[in-house]
Amino acid sequence: MQNSFWRELLLVCTSLVVMTALIAMSGADLTVSSFFHINGGWPVGERFPWKFLYIVDRFPAILLAIAGLLAVVVSLRWPSRRYWAKCGIFLILLLVLGPGVLVNTIFKDGWGRPRPCEILQFEGKKTFLQPWQKGISGQGRSFPSGHASAAFYMMAPFFIYRHRNKRRAHVWLAGGIVFGIFMSIARISQGGHFLSDTLWAFGVVYLTGLFLAALLKLDHVPAAPPLPEPVPCSS
């Protein structure tokens, strides 16, 4: 792997750790959630567009992964599009491994962090835990946010285009982050997740994308096929 990969990995990991520390020291997890806890409930999360985003859930991510599958099929029909297969496999693997395995299976099922609506500060019965504090497996599914991770997954084409078309890459990156932020607000307003849960939803997806892009060598853009030789005119 290239030096640029390790520099980016270090930068992203350091940023996540620093932001997590700032959230913890400032008490932002409880403060942000308290804005939405009104009269013993979470009424803001039941309003538009937050409830609509909750219903939308993972459908956009699934559609993007299906587009990746179609790219693989097309590459089998036209060998000149072999790079499409690599991009399609990336889209599928990122959804399966990021939001699927790491977020929803390993961490959400195993980390045991209680949701805001479950803790004592918001009329629940469980103790508030910081994101690095492991709770009882199966007794809390707050860390990280599954909905937010599926929304942040929409930045996936950024890793495909960033060495080929920077403008298009930045559009996908910005769009995925904005969609992820809106989904994060929805889940926080519903008492389902803390601010740090959504931060790490982004972190897990981005880091998984970074590793997969490096392993699949998405930065190695294939050269354009040579033009056919002109056929000489007969005299």
Protein backbone atom coordinates (compact mmCIF):
# COMPACT_ATOMS: atom_id res chain seq x y z
CA MET A 1 0.00 0.00 0.00
CA GLN A 2 1.22 3.50 -0.86
CA ASN A 3 2.39 6.10 1.65
CA SER A 4 -0.63 8.24 0.78
CA PHE A 5 -2.89 5.46 2.10
CA TRP A 6 -1.16 5.39 5.48
CA ARG A 7 -1.18 9.18 5.73
CA GLU A 8 -4.91 9.30 5.01
CA LEU A 9 -5.57 6.44 7.43
CA LEU A 10 -3.66 8.22 10.19
CA LEU A 11 -5.43 11.52 9.48
CA VAL A 12 -8.92 9.98 9.57
CA CYS A 13 -8.26 7.90 12.70
CA THR A 14 -6.71 10.86 14.52
CA SER A 15 -9.65 13.08 13.57
CA LEU A 16 -12.15 10.50 14.83
CA VAL A 17 -10.33 10.09 18.15
CA VAL A 18 -9.97 13.85 18.68
CA MET A 19 -13.63 14.52 17.85
CA THR A 20 -14.73 11.69 20.14
CA ALA A 21 -12.64 13.14 22.96
CA LEU A 22 -14.10 16.61 22.39
CA ILE A 23 -17.64 15.21 22.44
CA ALA A 24 -16.91 13.40 25.70
CA MET A 25 -15.22 16.34 27.43
CA SER A 26 -17.95 18.77 26.41
CA GLY A 27 -20.79 16.38 27.23
CA ALA A 28 -22.14 16.93 23.72
CA ASP A 29 -23.74 13.48 23.53
CA LEU A 30 -26.15 14.27 26.37
CA THR A 31 -26.50 17.94 25.46
CA VAL A 32 -27.47 17.35 21.84
CA SER A 33 -29.92 14.58 22.73
CA SER A 34 -31.49 16.75 25.45
CA PHE A 35 -32.57 19.27 22.79
CA PHE A 36 -34.92 16.63 21.39
CA HIS A 37 -36.15 15.11 24.64
CA ILE A 38 -39.31 17.10 25.32
CA ASN A 39 -41.90 16.38 28.01
CA GLY A 40 -40.67 12.84 28.46
CA GLY A 41 -40.73 11.96 24.76
CA TRP A 42 -39.04 12.48 21.41
CA PRO A 43 -41.71 14.35 19.41
CA VAL A 44 -39.37 16.02 16.93
CA GLY A 45 -38.35 12.66 15.52
CA GLU A 46 -41.96 11.90 14.62
CA ARG A 47 -42.20 14.94 12.34
CA PHE A 48 -41.29 15.40 8.68
CA PRO A 49 -38.61 14.97 7.37
CA TRP A 50 -37.07 13.01 10.27
CA LYS A 51 -39.71 10.28 10.36
CA PHE A 52 -39.58 10.00 6.56
CA LEU A 53 -35.80 9.52 6.67
CA TYR A 54 -36.22 6.76 9.23
CA ILE A 55 -38.64 4.99 6.87
CA VAL A 56 -36.31 5.50 3.88
CA ASP A 57 -33.71 3.59 5.91
CA ARG A 58 -31.29 1.59 3.75
CA PHE A 59 -33.15 1.68 0.43
CA PRO A 60 -30.81 4.19 -1.30
CA ALA A 61 -27.78 2.16 -0.19
CA ILE A 62 -29.31 -1.06 -1.49
CA LEU A 63 -30.07 0.59 -4.85
CA LEU A 64 -26.47 1.77 -5.14
CA ALA A 65 -25.21 -1.74 -4.37
CA ILE A 66 -27.58 -3.14 -7.02
CA ALA A 67 -26.04 -0.68 -9.49
CA GLY A 68 -22.69 -2.18 -8.53
CA LEU A 69 -24.02 -5.67 -9.25
CA LEU A 70 -25.25 -4.51 -12.68
CA ALA A 71 -21.79 -3.10 -13.37
CA VAL A 72 -20.30 -6.53 -12.68
CA VAL A 73 -22.81 -8.17 -15.05
CA VAL A 74 -22.07 -5.62 -17.79
CA SER A 75 -18.34 -6.22 -17.42
CA LEU A 76 -18.89 -9.93 -18.06
CA ARG A 77 -20.67 -9.11 -21.32
CA TRP A 78 -18.12 -6.54 -22.49
CA PRO A 79 -14.55 -7.42 -21.42
CA SER A 80 -13.41 -3.90 -22.28
CA ARG A 81 -15.37 -2.77 -19.22
CA ARG A 82 -13.43 -4.94 -16.78
CA TYR A 83 -12.78 -1.95 -14.54
CA TRP A 84 -16.54 -1.76 -13.99
CA ALA A 85 -16.41 -5.18 -12.35
CA LYS A 86 -13.86 -3.94 -9.83
CA CYS A 87 -16.00 -0.87 -9.07
CA GLY A 88 -19.15 -2.98 -8.75
CA ILE A 89 -17.47 -5.43 -6.39
CA PHE A 90 -16.28 -2.49 -4.31
CA LEU A 91 -19.82 -1.09 -3.97
CA ILE A 92 -21.19 -4.48 -2.93
CA LEU A 93 -18.42 -5.28 -0.47
CA LEU A 94 -18.51 -1.85 1.14
CA LEU A 95 -22.22 -2.16 1.92
CA VAL A 96 -21.87 -5.73 3.19
CA LEU A 97 -18.75 -5.19 5.30
CA GLY A 98 -19.30 -1.58 6.49
CA PRO A 99 -22.95 -0.98 7.43
CA GLY A 100 -23.63 -4.72 7.33
CA VAL A 101 -21.01 -6.70 9.23
CA LEU A 102 -19.01 -4.11 11.18
CA VAL A 103 -21.80 -1.70 12.18
CA ASN A 104 -24.93 -3.81 12.51
CA THR A 105 -23.47 -7.19 13.44
CA ILE A 106 -20.19 -6.79 15.30
CA PHE A 107 -20.65 -3.47 17.09
CA LYS A 108 -24.41 -2.90 17.41
CA ASP A 109 -25.06 -6.45 18.53
CA GLY A 110 -21.93 -6.82 20.63
CA TRP A 111 -20.90 -3.47 22.07
CA GLY A 112 -23.90 -2.98 24.35
CA ARG A 113 -24.12 0.81 24.50
CA PRO A 114 -27.64 1.85 25.60
CA ARG A 115 -29.62 4.23 23.40
CA PRO A 116 -30.50 7.74 24.65
CA CYS A 117 -34.12 6.72 25.21
CA GLU A 118 -32.91 3.92 27.49
CA ILE A 119 -30.69 5.85 29.92
CA LEU A 120 -31.49 7.41 33.30
CA GLN A 121 -30.95 10.98 32.08
CA PHE A 122 -33.90 10.57 29.71
CA GLU A 123 -36.25 8.63 31.97
CA GLY A 124 -34.83 5.22 31.11
CA LYS A 125 -33.30 2.61 33.39
CA LYS A 126 -29.77 2.14 32.03
CA THR A 127 -26.49 3.92 32.70
CA PHE A 128 -25.01 6.25 30.11
CA LEU A 129 -21.80 4.91 28.55
CA GLN A 130 -19.17 6.67 26.49
CA PRO A 131 -18.55 5.15 23.05
CA TRP A 132 -15.34 3.46 24.19
CA GLN A 133 -17.05 1.87 27.21
CA LYS A 134 -18.28 -1.61 26.39
CA GLY A 135 -21.63 -2.52 27.88
CA ILE A 136 -23.42 -5.86 28.08
CA SER A 137 -23.77 -7.54 24.69
CA GLY A 138 -27.37 -7.48 23.54
CA GLN A 139 -28.35 -4.95 26.21
CA GLY A 140 -27.84 -1.85 24.05
CA ARG A 141 -27.67 -1.23 20.30
CA SER A 142 -26.72 2.42 20.12
CA PHE A 143 -23.11 2.26 18.92
CA PRO A 144 -22.78 3.00 16.08
CA SER A 145 -25.85 4.07 14.10
CA GLY A 146 -27.02 1.61 11.46
CA HIS A 147 -29.27 4.12 9.68
CA ALA A 148 -26.50 6.73 9.58
CA SER A 149 -23.93 4.24 8.31
CA ALA A 150 -26.23 3.25 5.42
CA ALA A 151 -26.70 6.94 4.62
CA PHE A 152 -22.97 7.68 4.75
CA TYR A 153 -22.45 4.70 2.44
CA MET A 154 -23.83 6.91 -0.35
CA MET A 155 -20.40 8.56 -0.53
CA ALA A 156 -18.99 5.23 -1.82
CA PRO A 157 -18.48 6.40 -5.46
CA PHE A 158 -16.04 8.97 -4.08
CA PHE A 159 -13.48 6.18 -3.73
CA ILE A 160 -14.11 5.10 -7.33
CA TYR A 161 -13.81 8.52 -8.92
CA ARG A 162 -11.27 10.38 -6.80
CA HIS A 163 -8.31 9.36 -8.98
CA ARG A 164 -10.27 9.61 -12.24
CA ASN A 165 -12.68 12.53 -11.93
CA LYS A 166 -12.11 14.71 -8.85
CA ARG A 167 -15.14 16.90 -9.42
CA ARG A 168 -17.50 13.94 -9.61
CA ALA A 169 -15.77 12.37 -6.62
CA HIS A 170 -16.29 15.48 -4.50
CA VAL A 171 -19.96 15.64 -5.48
CA TRP A 172 -20.50 12.07 -4.26
CA LEU A 173 -18.50 12.71 -1.10
CA ALA A 174 -20.42 15.87 -0.26
CA GLY A 175 -23.76 14.28 -1.11
CA GLY A 176 -23.06 11.22 1.03
CA ILE A 177 -21.94 13.31 3.98
CA VAL A 178 -24.96 15.63 3.77
CA PHE A 179 -27.35 12.68 3.52
CA GLY A 180 -25.57 11.04 6.44
CA ILE A 181 -25.84 14.19 8.55
CA PHE A 182 -29.56 14.47 7.92
CA MET A 183 -30.07 10.80 8.77
CA SER A 184 -27.98 11.33 11.91
CA ILE A 185 -30.20 14.20 13.00
CA ALA A 186 -33.24 12.01 12.42
CA ARG A 187 -31.93 9.22 14.62
CA ILE A 188 -30.74 11.58 17.36
CA SER A 189 -34.11 13.36 17.36
CA GLN A 190 -35.84 9.98 17.80
CA GLY A 191 -33.76 9.07 20.85
CA GLY A 192 -32.15 6.22 18.95
CA HIS A 193 -28.53 7.37 18.89
CA PHE A 194 -26.01 9.78 20.35
CA LEU A 195 -23.92 12.25 18.37
CA SER A 196 -20.82 10.05 18.77
CA ASP A 197 -22.75 7.04 17.42
CA THR A 198 -23.30 8.88 14.15
CA LEU A 199 -19.71 10.14 14.05
CA TRP A 200 -18.43 6.57 14.18
CA ALA A 201 -21.02 5.44 11.65
CA PHE A 202 -19.23 7.77 9.24
CA GLY A 203 -15.84 6.62 10.50
CA VAL A 204 -16.50 2.91 10.03
CA VAL A 205 -17.86 3.39 6.50
CA TYR A 206 -15.04 5.71 5.42
CA LEU A 207 -12.28 3.53 6.85
CA THR A 208 -13.80 0.40 5.33
CA GLY A 209 -14.03 2.16 1.98
CA LEU A 210 -10.42 3.30 2.29
CA PHE A 211 -9.17 -0.24 2.94
CA LEU A 212 -11.29 -1.83 0.20
CA ALA A 213 -10.25 0.79 -2.36
CA ALA A 214 -6.61 0.06 -1.57
CA LEU A 215 -7.04 -3.72 -1.69
CA LEU A 216 -8.94 -3.59 -4.99
CA LYS A 217 -6.49 -0.98 -6.34
CA LEU A 218 -9.22 1.38 -7.49
CA ASP A 219 -6.61 4.08 -7.97
CA HIS A 220 -5.06 2.03 -10.82
CA VAL A 221 -7.12 3.38 -13.67
CA PRO A 222 -6.86 1.19 -16.80
CA ALA A 223 -5.47 2.81 -19.89
CA ALA A 224 -7.87 3.56 -22.71
CA PRO A 225 -7.93 0.84 -25.38
CA PRO A 226 -5.86 1.69 -28.47
CA LEU A 227 -7.66 3.08 -31.48
CA PRO A 228 -8.03 0.69 -34.42
CA GLU A 229 -5.52 1.03 -37.22
CA PRO A 230 -6.95 2.81 -40.30
CA VAL A 231 -7.71 0.53 -43.18
CA PRO A 232 -5.78 1.65 -46.29
CA CYS A 233 -7.87 2.48 -49.32
CA SER A 234 -7.37 0.17 -52.27
CA SER A 235 -6.15 1.85 -55.44
